[in-house]
N, C-alpha and C. Protein backbone atom coordinates (compact mmCIF):
# COMPACT_ATOMS: atom_id res chain seq x y z
N UNK A 1 -14.97 9.00 -1.79
CA UNK A 1 -13.68 8.53 -0.75
C UNK A 1 -13.94 7.08 -1.73
N UNK A 2 -12.93 6.47 -2.58
CA UNK A 2 -12.90 5.13 -3.22
C UNK A 2 -11.92 4.50 -2.62
N UNK A 3 -12.68 4.18 -1.68
CA UNK A 3 -11.58 2.61 -0.52
C UNK A 3 -12.41 1.06 -1.00
N UNK A 4 -10.84 0.74 -1.31
CA UNK A 4 -10.40 -0.94 -2.04
C UNK A 4 -10.03 -1.85 -0.94
N UNK A 5 -10.10 -2.90 -1.17
CA UNK A 5 -8.88 -3.91 -0.34
C UNK A 5 -8.06 -4.50 -0.91
N UNK A 6 -6.94 -4.56 -1.25
CA UNK A 6 -5.90 -5.20 -1.50
C UNK A 6 -4.93 -6.54 -1.02
N UNK A 7 -4.77 -7.48 -1.17
CA UNK A 7 -3.81 -8.42 -0.56
C UNK A 7 -2.79 -8.84 -1.84
N UNK A 8 -1.37 -8.61 -0.94
CA UNK A 8 -0.09 -8.37 -1.35
C UNK A 8 0.93 -10.07 -0.81
N UNK A 9 1.49 -10.62 -1.57
CA UNK A 9 1.69 -11.53 -1.32
C UNK A 9 3.45 -10.91 -1.06
N UNK A 10 3.98 -11.27 -0.02
CA UNK A 10 5.23 -10.31 0.66
C UNK A 10 6.28 -11.61 1.09
N UNK A 11 7.72 -11.26 0.51
CA UNK A 11 8.33 -12.44 0.84
C UNK A 11 9.54 -11.84 1.19
N UNK A 12 9.95 -12.77 1.96
CA UNK A 12 11.51 -12.17 2.76
C UNK A 12 11.47 -12.01 4.28
N UNK A 13 10.02 -11.68 4.97
CA UNK A 13 9.92 -11.52 5.88
C UNK A 13 10.17 -12.53 6.81
N UNK A 14 10.60 -12.60 8.01
CA UNK A 14 11.71 -13.67 8.87
C UNK A 14 11.21 -13.57 10.15
N UNK A 15 10.49 -12.83 10.70
CA UNK A 15 9.58 -12.32 12.02
C UNK A 15 8.85 -11.84 11.91
N UNK A 16 8.13 -11.35 13.32
CA UNK A 16 6.31 -10.68 13.48
C UNK A 16 7.07 -9.08 13.16
N UNK A 17 8.35 -8.79 13.97
CA UNK A 17 8.72 -7.46 13.50
C UNK A 17 8.83 -6.79 12.29
N UNK A 18 9.49 -7.92 11.59
CA UNK A 18 9.07 -7.49 9.58
C UNK A 18 7.77 -7.03 9.80
N UNK A 19 7.03 -7.58 9.86
CA UNK A 19 5.61 -7.37 9.56
C UNK A 19 5.25 -6.11 10.06
N UNK A 20 5.83 -6.04 11.48
CA UNK A 20 5.15 -4.47 12.04
C UNK A 20 6.13 -3.49 11.21
N UNK A 21 7.84 -3.71 10.94
CA UNK A 21 8.20 -2.40 9.85
C UNK A 21 7.02 -2.44 9.16
N UNK A 22 6.65 -3.41 7.93
CA UNK A 22 6.02 -3.13 7.12
C UNK A 22 4.10 -2.21 7.17
N UNK A 23 3.71 -2.90 8.40
CA UNK A 23 2.59 -2.04 8.45
C UNK A 23 3.27 -0.63 8.68
N UNK A 24 4.16 -0.29 9.99
CA UNK A 24 4.21 0.93 10.55
C UNK A 24 4.18 1.92 8.69
N UNK A 25 5.53 1.35 7.64
CA UNK A 25 5.65 1.93 7.17
C UNK A 25 4.65 2.38 5.81
N UNK A 26 3.31 1.09 5.65
CA UNK A 26 2.42 2.10 4.95
C UNK A 26 1.27 2.97 5.51
N UNK A 27 1.28 2.41 7.03
CA UNK A 27 0.69 3.59 7.41
C UNK A 27 0.75 4.73 7.57
N UNK A 28 2.00 4.71 7.04
CA UNK A 28 2.61 6.36 6.90
C UNK A 28 1.99 6.94 5.48
N UNK A 29 1.61 6.34 4.32
CA UNK A 29 0.95 6.46 2.75
C UNK A 29 0.16 6.87 3.13
N UNK A 30 -0.38 8.50 2.49
CA UNK A 30 -1.80 8.81 2.35
C UNK A 30 -2.55 7.91 1.87
N UNK A 31 -3.65 7.96 2.56
CA UNK A 31 -5.04 7.28 1.81
C UNK A 31 -5.03 5.86 2.25
N UNK A 32 -4.19 4.88 3.30
CA UNK A 32 -3.98 3.69 3.93
C UNK A 32 -4.97 3.84 5.05
N UNK A 33 -6.44 3.02 5.28
CA UNK A 33 -7.02 3.16 5.76
C UNK A 33 -6.37 1.91 7.35
N UNK A 34 -6.44 0.90 6.77
CA UNK A 34 -6.25 0.05 7.29
C UNK A 34 -4.68 -1.15 6.79
N UNK A 35 -4.55 -1.63 7.90
CA UNK A 35 -3.10 -2.71 7.61
C UNK A 35 -2.61 -3.61 8.07
N UNK A 36 -3.00 -4.48 7.83
CA UNK A 36 -2.52 -6.27 8.48
C UNK A 36 -1.18 -6.79 7.67
N UNK A 37 0.02 -7.18 8.27
CA UNK A 37 0.14 -7.59 7.76
C UNK A 37 0.92 -8.93 8.49
N UNK A 38 0.81 -10.73 7.81
CA UNK A 38 1.65 -11.83 8.90
C UNK A 38 2.53 -12.18 8.10
N UNK A 39 3.59 -12.49 9.38
CA UNK A 39 4.30 -13.01 9.28
C UNK A 39 3.94 -14.71 8.56
N UNK A 40 3.20 -15.13 9.53
CA UNK A 40 2.88 -16.59 9.28
C UNK A 40 2.32 -17.08 7.62
N UNK A 41 1.66 -16.24 7.28
CA UNK A 41 0.83 -16.43 5.92
C UNK A 41 1.44 -15.17 4.61
N UNK A 42 2.86 -14.54 4.97
CA UNK A 42 3.52 -13.80 4.48
C UNK A 42 2.80 -13.08 3.47
N UNK A 43 1.68 -12.29 3.73
CA UNK A 43 0.96 -11.64 3.28
C UNK A 43 0.33 -10.33 3.96
N UNK A 44 0.33 -9.03 3.15
CA UNK A 44 -0.17 -8.04 3.70
C UNK A 44 -1.34 -7.54 2.88
N UNK A 45 -2.46 -7.14 3.96
CA UNK A 45 -3.98 -6.77 3.17
C UNK A 45 -3.94 -5.39 3.88
N UNK A 46 -4.30 -4.66 2.78
CA UNK A 46 -4.25 -3.12 2.72
C UNK A 46 -5.75 -2.59 2.35
N UNK A 47 -6.34 -1.85 3.14
CA UNK A 47 -7.34 -1.22 2.59
C UNK A 47 -6.89 0.36 2.37
N UNK A 48 -7.42 0.80 1.26
CA UNK A 48 -6.81 1.70 0.97
C UNK A 48 -7.67 2.96 0.05
N UNK A 49 -8.19 4.12 0.37
CA UNK A 49 -8.50 5.32 -0.66
C UNK A 49 -7.25 5.56 -1.85
N UNK A 50 -8.06 5.06 -2.99
CA UNK A 50 -7.36 4.88 -4.31
C UNK A 50 -7.00 6.41 -4.93
N UNK A 51 -8.16 7.09 -4.01
CA UNK A 51 -7.81 8.61 -4.99
C UNK A 51 -6.97 9.17 -3.88
N UNK A 52 -6.01 8.98 -3.31
CA UNK A 52 -4.60 9.61 -2.82
C UNK A 52 -3.51 8.46 -2.61
N UNK A 53 -4.11 7.24 -3.03
CA UNK A 53 -2.69 6.61 -2.71
C UNK A 53 -3.02 5.25 -3.88
N UNK A 54 -1.81 4.81 -4.68
CA UNK A 54 -2.30 3.51 -5.56
C UNK A 54 -1.54 2.15 -4.94
N UNK A 55 -1.85 1.32 -5.18
CA UNK A 55 -1.32 0.01 -5.18
C UNK A 55 0.11 0.16 -5.98
N UNK A 56 0.95 0.71 -6.48
CA UNK A 56 2.09 0.97 -6.75
C UNK A 56 2.68 1.33 -5.85
N UNK A 57 1.72 2.90 -5.00
CA UNK A 57 3.04 3.28 -4.41
C UNK A 57 3.23 2.70 -2.97
N UNK A 58 1.70 1.31 -2.45
CA UNK A 58 2.20 0.51 -1.40
C UNK A 58 3.42 -0.54 -1.83
N UNK A 59 3.00 -1.14 -3.33
CA UNK A 59 4.19 -1.89 -3.66
C UNK A 59 5.91 -1.33 -3.33
N UNK A 60 5.90 -0.18 -4.14
CA UNK A 60 7.19 0.37 -3.65
C UNK A 60 7.40 0.93 -2.30
N UNK A 61 6.53 1.31 -1.37
CA UNK A 61 6.95 1.18 0.04
C UNK A 61 7.51 -0.16 0.69
N UNK A 62 7.05 -1.15 0.14
CA UNK A 62 7.24 -2.73 0.97
C UNK A 62 8.33 -3.10 -0.12
N UNK A 63 8.24 -3.11 -1.42
CA UNK A 63 10.26 -3.17 -1.62
C UNK A 63 11.01 -2.44 -0.94
N UNK A 64 11.05 -0.58 -0.74
CA UNK A 64 11.67 -0.01 -0.29
C UNK A 64 12.27 -0.64 1.05
N UNK A 65 11.62 -1.04 1.46
CA UNK A 65 12.36 -1.92 3.01
C UNK A 65 13.01 -3.30 2.71
N UNK A 66 12.93 -3.68 1.42
CA UNK A 66 13.83 -4.65 1.27
C UNK A 66 13.03 -6.03 1.28
N UNK A 67 11.68 -5.80 0.80
CA UNK A 67 11.02 -7.72 0.42
C UNK A 67 10.51 -7.41 -0.88
N UNK A 68 10.09 -8.76 -1.14
CA UNK A 68 9.69 -8.83 -2.57
C UNK A 68 8.03 -8.77 -2.30
N UNK A 69 7.58 -8.16 -3.64
CA UNK A 69 6.15 -8.32 -2.97
C UNK A 69 4.98 -8.42 -4.96
N UNK A 70 4.40 -9.14 -4.52
CA UNK A 70 3.38 -9.19 -5.61
C UNK A 70 1.84 -8.78 -4.90
N UNK A 71 1.20 -8.24 -5.94
CA UNK A 71 -0.35 -8.23 -5.50
C UNK A 71 -0.91 -9.31 -5.76
N UNK A 72 -1.76 -10.00 -5.63
CA UNK A 72 -2.93 -11.01 -5.56
C UNK A 72 -4.04 -11.03 -6.10
């Protein structure tokens, strides 16, 4: 298992429900071990198994919800 932690800057969140929506979508990706998104900091911290999911998959999932995202 190749587990790494990545931090993403997420733009466009307006409330705590936005953060929960992102976490729910990321938890559905194979290989995501843990995710914590905060509206206050506009960030999502994701622990993932890179043999199952790439950071591009994470970015695509967040962008698919309508948010802007860049890896920090």
